[in-house]
Amino acid sequence: MRILPRCGQVLETMSDLDLTRSKGLRFPDEADCLRCHDDEGPTWDDRRYVLADGSKVGFDFEKAWKRIERPIPTEVKGRYLELKKD
């Protein structure tokens, strides 16, 4: 998102994590993912993820999140608006 000088309110809102949440920004959690990624879904595979103990499960939130996570590249970090998590 490019912040223009006249859009200071956007910068103020997006810089404050609590204010951002109060305006409706959501950070998905495991319950959100499990609405679709469950054993009733057409692509469910109960052996898709391998846990640390070697057992296999159909969904592992931590591993699934790492697959879709998009961290800020180090070469641009600090040049754009970033949320500071609690």
Foldseek 3Di string as FASTA:
>chain_A
DDDDPVNVVVLVQLQEPVSVVVVPDDDDDPVVVCVAQDPVHPPFDQQPDADPVRGGGRDDRVVVCVVVDDDDDPVCPPVDRDYDDD
